[in-house]
Amino acid sequence: QVQLVESGGGLVQAGGSLRLSCVASDRIFRLRTMGWYRQAPGKQRELVATHTTGLSTYYDDSVKGRFTISRDRDQHTVYLQMNSLKPEDTAVYYCNTNPPVDFWGQGTQVTVSS
């Protein structure tokens, strides 16, 4: 059974930090590049960061230097540490493989106030 459960979102002021977590089913997690995506109101879902099964990472230019993706193989969990948050980071954040499987979790809302 596919499982993607995101958590850790919330309301923060600009400049603040949040750490998102995503627990993924082992079948998805073990052999796949994992990614964090976000969808702001009225916009399409976009890729934010990815982490391969090794050590390679990718970041969208909009978050480079502020966000850090990591994964815990034993816990089947992928994290997104978000620092220096900006109002434009406000969105629902999702995790999935990259490219994504045809299943999405409920996401976690991140709201950054100015």
Protein backbone atom coordinates (compact mmCIF):
# COMPACT_ATOMS: atom_id res chain seq x y z
CA GLN A 1 0.00 0.00 0.00
CA VAL A 2 1.30 3.42 -0.96
CA GLN A 3 1.83 5.76 1.96
CA LEU A 4 2.96 9.37 1.96
CA VAL A 5 2.26 11.28 5.16
CA GLU A 6 3.52 14.85 5.44
CA SER A 7 3.70 16.88 8.65
CA GLY A 8 5.43 19.85 10.24
CA GLY A 9 3.78 22.77 8.53
CA GLY A 10 2.45 25.81 10.31
CA LEU A 11 2.28 29.57 10.49
CA VAL A 12 5.55 31.46 10.85
CA GLN A 13 6.77 34.99 10.37
CA ALA A 14 9.08 35.88 7.54
CA GLY A 15 12.63 34.90 8.43
CA GLY A 16 11.48 31.98 10.53
CA SER A 17 12.10 28.27 10.12
CA LEU A 18 10.12 25.06 9.83
CA ARG A 19 11.07 21.42 9.42
CA LEU A 20 8.78 19.25 7.34
CA SER A 21 8.69 15.48 7.57
CA CYS A 22 7.30 12.86 5.26
CA VAL A 23 6.94 9.20 6.08
CA ALA A 24 6.85 7.08 2.95
CA SER A 25 6.04 3.43 2.51
CA ASP A 26 9.14 1.33 2.12
CA ARG A 27 8.16 0.23 -1.33
CA ILE A 28 8.30 3.83 -2.49
CA PHE A 29 11.18 5.03 -0.42
CA ARG A 30 13.88 2.44 -0.74
CA LEU A 31 14.74 2.63 -4.43
CA ARG A 32 13.51 6.05 -5.49
CA THR A 33 14.65 9.60 -5.58
CA MET A 34 12.39 11.50 -3.17
CA GLY A 35 11.26 15.05 -3.61
CA TRP A 36 9.37 17.87 -1.98
CA TYR A 37 6.82 19.74 -4.02
CA ARG A 38 4.62 22.71 -3.22
CA GLN A 39 1.44 24.22 -4.56
CA ALA A 40 0.51 27.81 -3.85
CA PRO A 41 -3.09 29.02 -4.28
CA GLY A 42 -3.95 29.43 -7.94
CA LYS A 43 -0.65 27.97 -9.10
CA GLN A 44 0.53 24.62 -10.38
CA ARG A 45 2.39 22.22 -8.17
CA GLU A 46 6.14 22.73 -8.48
CA LEU A 47 9.22 20.75 -7.54
CA VAL A 48 11.21 22.28 -4.69
CA ALA A 49 13.97 19.82 -3.89
CA THR A 50 15.04 16.23 -4.46
CA HIS A 51 17.29 13.71 -2.77
CA THR A 52 18.54 10.58 -4.50
CA THR A 53 19.07 7.28 -2.70
CA GLY A 54 22.69 8.36 -2.43
CA LEU A 55 23.83 11.82 -1.50
CA SER A 56 22.83 13.90 -4.50
CA THR A 57 20.43 16.75 -4.00
CA TYR A 58 18.71 19.30 -6.19
CA TYR A 59 17.10 22.61 -5.25
CA ASP A 60 14.97 25.00 -7.19
CA ASP A 61 16.66 28.38 -7.49
CA SER A 62 13.93 29.96 -5.38
CA VAL A 63 14.94 27.94 -2.30
CA LYS A 64 18.62 27.33 -2.87
CA GLY A 65 20.67 28.26 0.17
CA ARG A 66 17.60 28.37 2.43
CA PHE A 67 16.12 24.86 2.27
CA THR A 68 17.84 21.55 2.97
CA ILE A 69 16.45 18.15 2.03
CA SER A 70 17.56 15.01 3.83
CA ARG A 71 16.39 11.46 4.23
CA ASP A 72 16.53 8.83 6.94
CA ARG A 73 16.71 5.44 5.31
CA ASP A 74 15.87 3.47 8.44
CA GLN A 75 12.79 5.55 9.21
CA HIS A 76 11.62 5.82 5.59
CA THR A 77 11.40 9.53 6.17
CA VAL A 78 12.40 12.53 4.10
CA TYR A 79 12.80 15.96 5.67
CA LEU A 80 12.81 19.51 4.43
CA GLN A 81 14.49 22.06 6.67
CA MET A 82 13.27 25.49 5.67
CA ASN A 83 15.11 28.56 6.93
CA SER A 84 14.79 32.25 6.16
CA LEU A 85 11.21 31.70 5.06
CA LYS A 86 9.56 34.25 2.81
CA PRO A 87 5.88 35.01 2.21
CA GLU A 88 6.26 33.56 -1.29
CA ASP A 89 7.06 30.19 0.30
CA THR A 90 3.44 29.99 1.43
CA ALA A 91 1.96 26.82 -0.08
CA VAL A 92 0.83 23.29 0.63
CA TYR A 93 3.94 21.10 0.66
CA TYR A 94 3.90 17.51 -0.54
CA CYS A 95 6.46 14.77 -0.79
CA ASN A 96 6.61 12.20 -3.54
CA THR A 97 9.11 10.37 -5.66
CA ASN A 98 10.77 12.14 -8.54
CA PRO A 99 9.26 11.69 -11.01
CA PRO A 100 6.11 11.40 -8.89
CA VAL A 101 3.94 8.32 -8.56
CA ASP A 102 0.24 8.74 -9.23
CA PHE A 103 -0.62 9.15 -5.57
CA TRP A 104 -0.33 12.20 -3.35
CA GLY A 105 -0.64 12.55 0.39
CA GLN A 106 -2.68 15.24 2.08
CA GLY A 107 0.23 17.66 2.20
CA THR A 108 1.10 20.09 4.97
CA GLN A 109 0.25 23.78 4.91
CA VAL A 110 3.05 26.32 5.30
CA THR A 111 2.01 29.92 5.77
CA VAL A 112 4.61 32.67 6.05
CA SER A 113 3.40 36.06 7.21
CA SER A 114 5.17 39.28 6.31
